[in-house]
Amino acid sequence: QRGDVSRNTGGNLEEALGRIKAKVFVMPINEDMFFPV
């Protein structure tokens, strides 16, 4: 319930995700009711 990478940046999600240097493939499942695309 409390998963949140922005805890690393004082609640700023854009700043937190902007820290990422990895090449990232975000891979949602099209019919997922928990984590929709």
All heavy atoms as atom14 arrays in JSON, in Angstrom:
{
  "sequence": "QRGDVSRNTGGNLEEALGRIKAKVFVMPINEDMFFPV",
  "atom14_mask": [
    [1, 1, 1, 1, 1, 1, 1, 1, 1, 0, 0, 0, 0, 0],
    [1, 1, 1, 1, 1, 1, 1, 1, 1, 1, 1, 0, 0, 0],
    [1, 1, 1, 1, 0, 0, 0, 0, 0, 0, 0, 0, 0, 0],
    [1, 1, 1, 1, 1, 1, 1, 1, 0, 0, 0, 0, 0, 0],
    [1, 1, 1, 1, 1, 1, 1, 0, 0, 0, 0, 0, 0, 0],
    [1, 1, 1, 1, 1, 1, 0, 0, 0, 0, 0, 0, 0, 0],
    [1, 1, 1, 1, 1, 1, 1, 1, 1, 1, 1, 0, 0, 0],
    [1, 1, 1, 1, 1, 1, 1, 1, 0, 0, 0, 0, 0, 0],
    [1, 1, 1, 1, 1, 1, 1, 0, 0, 0, 0, 0, 0, 0],
    [1, 1, 1, 1, 0, 0, 0, 0, 0, 0, 0, 0, 0, 0],
    [1, 1, 1, 1, 0, 0, 0, 0, 0, 0, 0, 0, 0, 0],
    [1, 1, 1, 1, 1, 1, 1, 1, 0, 0, 0, 0, 0, 0],
    [1, 1, 1, 1, 1, 1, 1, 1, 0, 0, 0, 0, 0, 0],
    [1, 1, 1, 1, 1, 1, 1, 1, 1, 0, 0, 0, 0, 0],
    [1, 1, 1, 1, 1, 1, 1, 1, 1, 0, 0, 0, 0, 0],
    [1, 1, 1, 1, 1, 0, 0, 0, 0, 0, 0, 0, 0, 0],
    [1, 1, 1, 1, 1, 1, 1, 1, 0, 0, 0, 0, 0, 0],
    [1, 1, 1, 1, 0, 0, 0, 0, 0, 0, 0, 0, 0, 0],
    [1, 1, 1, 1, 1, 1, 1, 1, 1, 1, 1, 0, 0, 0],
    [1, 1, 1, 1, 1, 1, 1, 1, 0, 0, 0, 0, 0, 0],
    [1, 1, 1, 1, 1, 1, 1, 1, 1, 0, 0, 0, 0, 0],
    [1, 1, 1, 1, 1, 0, 0, 0, 0, 0, 0, 0, 0, 0],
    [1, 1, 1, 1, 1, 1, 1, 1, 1, 0, 0, 0, 0, 0],
    [1, 1, 1, 1, 1, 1, 1, 0, 0, 0, 0, 0, 0, 0],
    [1, 1, 1, 1, 1, 1, 1, 1, 1, 1, 1, 0, 0, 0],
    [1, 1, 1, 1, 1, 1, 1, 0, 0, 0, 0, 0, 0, 0],
    [1, 1, 1, 1, 1, 1, 1, 1, 0, 0, 0, 0, 0, 0],
    [1, 1, 1, 1, 1, 1, 1, 0, 0, 0, 0, 0, 0, 0],
    [1, 1, 1, 1, 1, 1, 1, 1, 0, 0, 0, 0, 0, 0],
    [1, 1, 1, 1, 1, 1, 1, 1, 0, 0, 0, 0, 0, 0],
    [1, 1, 1, 1, 1, 1, 1, 1, 1, 0, 0, 0, 0, 0],
    [1, 1, 1, 1, 1, 1, 1, 1, 0, 0, 0, 0, 0, 0],
    [1, 1, 1, 1, 1, 1, 1, 1, 0, 0, 0, 0, 0, 0],
    [1, 1, 1, 1, 1, 1, 1, 1, 1, 1, 1, 0, 0, 0],
    [1, 1, 1, 1, 1, 1, 1, 1, 1, 1, 1, 0, 0, 0],
    [1, 1, 1, 1, 1, 1, 1, 0, 0, 0, 0, 0, 0, 0],
    [1, 1, 1, 1, 1, 1, 1, 0, 0, 0, 0, 0, 0, 0]
  ],
  "atom14_positions": [
    [[0.82, -1.21, 0.0], [0.0, 0.0, 0.0], [0.85, 1.27, 0.0], [0.47, 2.28, -0.58], [-0.91, 0.02, 1.23], [-2.06, -0.96, 1.19], [-2.87, -0.89, 2.46], [-2.35, -1.11, 3.56], [-4.14, -0.57, 2.34], [0.0, 0.0, 0.0], [0.0, 0.0, 0.0], [0.0, 0.0, 0.0], [0.0, 0.0, 0.0], [0.0, 0.0, 0.0]],
    [[2.0, 1.22, 0.65], [2.82, 2.41, 0.87], [4.06, 2.46, -0.01], [4.95, 3.28, 0.22], [3.2, 2.47, 2.36], [1.99, 2.73, 3.24], [2.19, 2.31, 4.67], [0.98, 2.58, 5.46], [-0.1, 1.78, 5.47], [-0.12, 0.65, 4.75], [-1.15, 2.11, 6.19], [0.0, 0.0, 0.0], [0.0, 0.0, 0.0], [0.0, 0.0, 0.0]],
    [[4.11, 1.62, -1.02], [5.23, 1.66, -1.95], [5.31, 3.02, -2.64], [4.34, 3.45, -3.27], [0.0, 0.0, 0.0], [0.0, 0.0, 0.0], [0.0, 0.0, 0.0], [0.0, 0.0, 0.0], [0.0, 0.0, 0.0], [0.0, 0.0, 0.0], [0.0, 0.0, 0.0], [0.0, 0.0, 0.0], [0.0, 0.0, 0.0], [0.0, 0.0, 0.0]],
    [[6.45, 3.67, -2.54], [6.54, 5.05, -3.04], [8.01, 5.48, -3.11], [8.62, 5.79, -2.09], [5.76, 5.98, -2.11], [5.78, 7.44, -2.57], [6.32, 7.71, -3.65], [5.24, 8.28, -1.83], [0.0, 0.0, 0.0], [0.0, 0.0, 0.0], [0.0, 0.0, 0.0], [0.0, 0.0, 0.0], [0.0, 0.0, 0.0], [0.0, 0.0, 0.0]],
    [[8.56, 5.52, -4.32], [9.97, 5.91, -4.46], [10.19, 7.38, -4.14], [11.33, 7.8, -3.89], [10.52, 5.6, -5.87], [10.49, 4.11, -6.15], [9.75, 6.38, -6.94], [0.0, 0.0, 0.0], [0.0, 0.0, 0.0], [0.0, 0.0, 0.0], [0.0, 0.0, 0.0], [0.0, 0.0, 0.0], [0.0, 0.0, 0.0], [0.0, 0.0, 0.0]],
    [[9.12, 8.18, -4.14], [9.3, 9.61, -3.86], [9.63, 9.87, -2.39], [9.96, 11.0, -2.02], [8.06, 10.4, -4.27], [6.98, 10.21, -3.38], [0.0, 0.0, 0.0], [0.0, 0.0, 0.0], [0.0, 0.0, 0.0], [0.0, 0.0, 0.0], [0.0, 0.0, 0.0], [0.0, 0.0, 0.0], [0.0, 0.0, 0.0], [0.0, 0.0, 0.0]],
    [[9.57, 8.83, -1.55], [10.07, 8.97, -0.18], [11.55, 9.33, -0.18], [12.06, 9.88, 0.79], [9.85, 7.67, 0.59], [8.41, 7.45, 1.04], [8.19, 6.03, 1.56], [9.18, 5.64, 2.55], [9.14, 5.97, 3.83], [8.16, 6.75, 4.29], [10.07, 5.56, 4.67], [0.0, 0.0, 0.0], [0.0, 0.0, 0.0], [0.0, 0.0, 0.0]],
    [[12.25, 9.02, -1.27], [13.67, 9.34, -1.38], [13.91, 10.81, -1.72], [15.05, 11.29, -1.64], [14.31, 8.48, -2.47], [14.37, 7.01, -2.09], [15.19, 6.6, -1.29], [13.48, 6.21, -2.68], [0.0, 0.0, 0.0], [0.0, 0.0, 0.0], [0.0, 0.0, 0.0], [0.0, 0.0, 0.0], [0.0, 0.0, 0.0], [0.0, 0.0, 0.0]],
    [[12.86, 11.52, -2.11], [13.02, 12.9, -2.57], [11.98, 13.83, -1.95], [11.47, 14.75, -2.6], [12.92, 12.98, -4.11], [11.7, 12.32, -4.53], [14.11, 12.32, -4.78], [0.0, 0.0, 0.0], [0.0, 0.0, 0.0], [0.0, 0.0, 0.0], [0.0, 0.0, 0.0], [0.0, 0.0, 0.0], [0.0, 0.0, 0.0], [0.0, 0.0, 0.0]],
    [[11.62, 13.57, -0.71], [10.7, 14.45, -0.01], [9.32, 14.5, -0.61], [8.62, 15.52, -0.5], [0.0, 0.0, 0.0], [0.0, 0.0, 0.0], [0.0, 0.0, 0.0], [0.0, 0.0, 0.0], [0.0, 0.0, 0.0], [0.0, 0.0, 0.0], [0.0, 0.0, 0.0], [0.0, 0.0, 0.0], [0.0, 0.0, 0.0], [0.0, 0.0, 0.0]],
    [[8.89, 13.44, -1.29], [7.57, 13.37, -1.87], [7.48, 13.8, -3.32], [6.39, 13.79, -3.91], [0.0, 0.0, 0.0], [0.0, 0.0, 0.0], [0.0, 0.0, 0.0], [0.0, 0.0, 0.0], [0.0, 0.0, 0.0], [0.0, 0.0, 0.0], [0.0, 0.0, 0.0], [0.0, 0.0, 0.0], [0.0, 0.0, 0.0], [0.0, 0.0, 0.0]],
    [[8.6, 14.16, -3.95], [8.6, 14.62, -5.33], [8.85, 13.43, -6.25], [9.98, 12.97, -6.42], [9.68, 15.68, -5.54], [9.61, 16.34, -6.89], [9.32, 15.7, -7.91], [9.9, 17.64, -6.94], [0.0, 0.0, 0.0], [0.0, 0.0, 0.0], [0.0, 0.0, 0.0], [0.0, 0.0, 0.0], [0.0, 0.0, 0.0], [0.0, 0.0, 0.0]],
    [[7.77, 12.89, -6.87], [7.89, 11.7, -7.7], [8.7, 11.97, -8.97], [9.53, 11.15, -9.38], [6.5, 11.17, -8.08], [6.48, 9.89, -8.92], [7.12, 8.73, -8.17], [5.05, 9.55, -9.33], [0.0, 0.0, 0.0], [0.0, 0.0, 0.0], [0.0, 0.0, 0.0], [0.0, 0.0, 0.0], [0.0, 0.0, 0.0], [0.0, 0.0, 0.0]],
    [[8.48, 13.11, -9.58], [9.21, 13.44, -10.8], [10.71, 13.5, -10.53], [11.53, 13.01, -11.31], [8.72, 14.76, -11.39], [9.38, 15.12, -12.71], [8.76, 16.35, -13.36], [7.84, 16.95, -12.76], [9.2, 16.7, -14.48], [0.0, 0.0, 0.0], [0.0, 0.0, 0.0], [0.0, 0.0, 0.0], [0.0, 0.0, 0.0], [0.0, 0.0, 0.0]],
    [[11.08, 14.1, -9.41], [12.5, 14.17, -9.06], [13.07, 12.78, -8.78], [14.2, 12.46, -9.2], [12.68, 15.05, -7.82], [14.15, 15.19, -7.39], [14.31, 16.01, -6.12], [13.34, 16.67, -5.69], [15.42, 15.97, -5.54], [0.0, 0.0, 0.0], [0.0, 0.0, 0.0], [0.0, 0.0, 0.0], [0.0, 0.0, 0.0], [0.0, 0.0, 0.0]],
    [[12.29, 11.95, -8.09], [12.76, 10.6, -7.78], [13.0, 9.79, -9.06], [14.06, 9.19, -9.25], [11.76, 9.89, -6.88], [0.0, 0.0, 0.0], [0.0, 0.0, 0.0], [0.0, 0.0, 0.0], [0.0, 0.0, 0.0], [0.0, 0.0, 0.0], [0.0, 0.0, 0.0], [0.0, 0.0, 0.0], [0.0, 0.0, 0.0], [0.0, 0.0, 0.0]],
    [[12.02, 9.79, -9.95], [12.16, 9.02, -11.19], [13.21, 9.64, -12.1], [13.84, 8.94, -12.9], [10.81, 8.92, -11.89], [9.74, 8.12, -11.13], [8.41, 8.14, -11.87], [10.2, 6.68, -10.9], [0.0, 0.0, 0.0], [0.0, 0.0, 0.0], [0.0, 0.0, 0.0], [0.0, 0.0, 0.0], [0.0, 0.0, 0.0], [0.0, 0.0, 0.0]],
    [[13.42, 10.94, -11.96], [14.46, 11.6, -12.73], [15.86, 11.21, -12.32], [16.83, 11.44, -13.07], [0.0, 0.0, 0.0], [0.0, 0.0, 0.0], [0.0, 0.0, 0.0], [0.0, 0.0, 0.0], [0.0, 0.0, 0.0], [0.0, 0.0, 0.0], [0.0, 0.0, 0.0], [0.0, 0.0, 0.0], [0.0, 0.0, 0.0], [0.0, 0.0, 0.0]],
    [[16.01, 10.61, -11.14], [17.31, 10.14, -10.68], [17.79, 8.9, -11.43], [18.97, 8.57, -11.42], [17.25, 9.78, -9.19], [17.19, 10.93, -8.23], [17.26, 10.38, -6.8], [17.28, 11.43, -5.8], [17.41, 11.22, -4.51], [17.54, 9.98, -4.05], [17.43, 12.23, -3.66], [0.0, 0.0, 0.0], [0.0, 0.0, 0.0], [0.0, 0.0, 0.0]],
    [[16.84, 8.19, -12.03], [17.17, 6.88, -12.61], [18.11, 7.04, -13.79], [17.86, 7.83, -14.71], [15.88, 6.16, -13.05], [15.01, 5.85, -11.83], [16.22, 4.87, -13.8], [13.66, 5.23, -12.17], [0.0, 0.0, 0.0], [0.0, 0.0, 0.0], [0.0, 0.0, 0.0], [0.0, 0.0, 0.0], [0.0, 0.0, 0.0], [0.0, 0.0, 0.0]],
    [[19.21, 6.3, -13.77], [20.17, 6.29, -14.87], [20.08, 5.02, -15.71], [20.65, 4.95, -16.8], [21.59, 6.44, -14.31], [21.85, 7.75, -13.6], [23.29, 7.84, -13.09], [23.55, 9.15, -12.38], [24.95, 9.24, -11.88], [0.0, 0.0, 0.0], [0.0, 0.0, 0.0], [0.0, 0.0, 0.0], [0.0, 0.0, 0.0], [0.0, 0.0, 0.0]],
    [[19.38, 4.03, -15.21], [19.24, 2.76, -15.93], [18.41, 2.95, -17.19], [17.59, 3.87, -17.29], [18.56, 1.73, -15.03], [0.0, 0.0, 0.0], [0.0, 0.0, 0.0], [0.0, 0.0, 0.0], [0.0, 0.0, 0.0], [0.0, 0.0, 0.0], [0.0, 0.0, 0.0], [0.0, 0.0, 0.0], [0.0, 0.0, 0.0], [0.0, 0.0, 0.0]],
    [[18.63, 2.07, -18.16], [17.71, 1.95, -19.27], [16.51, 1.15, -18.75], [16.67, 0.05, -18.21], [18.36, 1.21, -20.44], [17.41, 0.93, -21.61], [16.91, 2.21, -22.27], [15.96, 1.9, -23.42], [15.45, 3.14, -24.06], [0.0, 0.0, 0.0], [0.0, 0.0, 0.0], [0.0, 0.0, 0.0], [0.0, 0.0, 0.0], [0.0, 0.0, 0.0]],
    [[15.31, 1.73, -18.87], [14.14, 1.14, -18.24], [13.08, 0.77, -19.28], [12.73, 1.59, -20.14], [13.52, 2.12, -17.21], [12.29, 1.51, -16.56], [14.55, 2.5, -16.15], [0.0, 0.0, 0.0], [0.0, 0.0, 0.0], [0.0, 0.0, 0.0], [0.0, 0.0, 0.0], [0.0, 0.0, 0.0], [0.0, 0.0, 0.0], [0.0, 0.0, 0.0]],
    [[12.58, -0.45, -19.19], [11.39, -0.87, -19.9], [10.28, -1.02, -18.86], [10.35, -1.9, -18.0], [11.59, -2.21, -20.62], [12.32, -2.11, -21.94], [12.89, -0.93, -22.38], [12.43, -3.23, -22.76], [13.56, -0.85, -23.59], [13.09, -3.17, -23.98], [13.66, -1.98, -24.39], [0.0, 0.0, 0.0], [0.0, 0.0, 0.0], [0.0, 0.0, 0.0]],
    [[9.29, -0.15, -18.92], [8.12, -0.25, -18.05], [7.14, -1.2, -18.74], [6.71, -0.95, -19.86], [7.49, 1.13, -17.81], [6.18, 1.01, -17.04], [8.48, 2.04, -17.07], [0.0, 0.0, 0.0], [0.0, 0.0, 0.0], [0.0, 0.0, 0.0], [0.0, 0.0, 0.0], [0.0, 0.0, 0.0], [0.0, 0.0, 0.0], [0.0, 0.0, 0.0]],
    [[6.76, -2.29, -18.04], [6.05, -3.39, -18.69], [4.73, -3.72, -17.98], [4.64, -4.7, -17.24], [6.98, -4.62, -18.75], [8.23, -4.38, -19.59], [9.54, -5.64, -19.39], [8.69, -7.14, -19.84], [0.0, 0.0, 0.0], [0.0, 0.0, 0.0], [0.0, 0.0, 0.0], [0.0, 0.0, 0.0], [0.0, 0.0, 0.0], [0.0, 0.0, 0.0]],
    [[3.7, -2.91, -18.2], [2.4, -3.22, -17.61], [1.68, -4.33, -18.4], [2.03, -4.62, -19.55], [1.64, -1.89, -17.74], [2.23, -1.26, -18.97], [3.69, -1.67, -18.98], [0.0, 0.0, 0.0], [0.0, 0.0, 0.0], [0.0, 0.0, 0.0], [0.0, 0.0, 0.0], [0.0, 0.0, 0.0], [0.0, 0.0, 0.0], [0.0, 0.0, 0.0]],
    [[0.68, -4.93, -17.75], [-0.18, -5.93, -18.41], [-1.49, -5.24, -18.8], [-2.12, -4.57, -17.99], [-0.44, -7.12, -17.47], [0.87, -7.86, -17.19], [-1.48, -8.07, -18.06], [0.75, -8.99, -16.19], [0.0, 0.0, 0.0], [0.0, 0.0, 0.0], [0.0, 0.0, 0.0], [0.0, 0.0, 0.0], [0.0, 0.0, 0.0], [0.0, 0.0, 0.0]],
    [[-1.89, -5.42, -20.04], [-3.0, -4.63, -20.58], [-4.33, -4.82, -19.85], [-5.15, -3.91, -19.78], [-3.19, -4.9, -22.08], [-3.63, -6.32, -22.37], [-3.31, -7.26, -21.65], [-4.36, -6.5, -23.48], [0.0, 0.0, 0.0], [0.0, 0.0, 0.0], [0.0, 0.0, 0.0], [0.0, 0.0, 0.0], [0.0, 0.0, 0.0], [0.0, 0.0, 0.0]],
    [[-4.59, -5.99, -19.27], [-5.86, -6.24, -18.59], [-5.73, -6.2, -17.06], [-6.6, -6.68, -16.34], [-6.4, -7.62, -19.01], [-6.81, -7.72, -20.46], [-8.17, -7.09, -20.75], [-8.85, -6.67, -19.79], [-8.55, -7.01, -21.93], [0.0, 0.0, 0.0], [0.0, 0.0, 0.0], [0.0, 0.0, 0.0], [0.0, 0.0, 0.0], [0.0, 0.0, 0.0]],
    [[-4.65, -5.61, -16.57], [-4.38, -5.58, -15.13], [-5.31, -4.59, -14.43], [-5.34, -3.41, -14.77], [-2.92, -5.19, -14.9], [-2.44, -5.42, -13.48], [-3.28, -5.55, -12.56], [-1.22, -5.48, -13.28], [0.0, 0.0, 0.0], [0.0, 0.0, 0.0], [0.0, 0.0, 0.0], [0.0, 0.0, 0.0], [0.0, 0.0, 0.0], [0.0, 0.0, 0.0]],
    [[-6.07, -5.06, -13.44], [-6.98, -4.2, -12.7], [-6.31, -3.55, -11.49], [-6.85, -2.62, -10.89], [-8.21, -4.98, -12.26], [-9.05, -5.46, -13.45], [-10.45, -6.5, -12.98], [-11.52, -5.29, -12.2], [0.0, 0.0, 0.0], [0.0, 0.0, 0.0], [0.0, 0.0, 0.0], [0.0, 0.0, 0.0], [0.0, 0.0, 0.0], [0.0, 0.0, 0.0]],
    [[-5.15, -4.05, -11.09], [-4.41, -3.44, -9.98], [-3.52, -2.3, -10.47], [-3.46, -1.24, -9.87], [-3.55, -4.49, -9.27], [-4.28, -5.29, -8.24], [-4.58, -6.62, -8.46], [-4.68, -4.71, -7.05], [-5.26, -7.36, -7.5], [-5.36, -5.44, -6.08], [-5.65, -6.78, -6.32], [0.0, 0.0, 0.0], [0.0, 0.0, 0.0], [0.0, 0.0, 0.0]],
    [[-2.77, -2.56, -11.54], [-1.82, -1.58, -12.06], [-2.09, -1.36, -13.55], [-1.4, -1.9, -14.41], [-0.38, -2.08, -11.85], [-0.03, -2.38, -10.42], [-0.03, -3.68, -9.94], [0.31, -1.37, -9.54], [0.28, -3.97, -8.62], [0.63, -1.64, -8.22], [0.61, -2.94, -7.76], [0.0, 0.0, 0.0], [0.0, 0.0, 0.0], [0.0, 0.0, 0.0]],
    [[-3.15, -0.59, -13.88], [-3.51, -0.4, -15.29], [-2.42, 0.32, -16.07], [-1.59, 1.04, -15.51], [-4.79, 0.44, -15.21], [-4.8, 1.05, -13.86], [-4.06, 0.11, -12.96], [0.0, 0.0, 0.0], [0.0, 0.0, 0.0], [0.0, 0.0, 0.0], [0.0, 0.0, 0.0], [0.0, 0.0, 0.0], [0.0, 0.0, 0.0], [0.0, 0.0, 0.0]],
    [[-2.46, 0.11, -17.37], [-1.43, 0.66, -18.25], [-1.31, 2.16, -18.08], [-0.2, 2.71, -18.04], [-1.73, 0.3, -19.73], [-0.76, 1.03, -20.66], [-1.64, -1.21, -19.94], [0.0, 0.0, 0.0], [0.0, 0.0, 0.0], [0.0, 0.0, 0.0], [0.0, 0.0, 0.0], [0.0, 0.0, 0.0], [0.0, 0.0, 0.0], [0.0, 0.0, 0.0]]
  ]
}
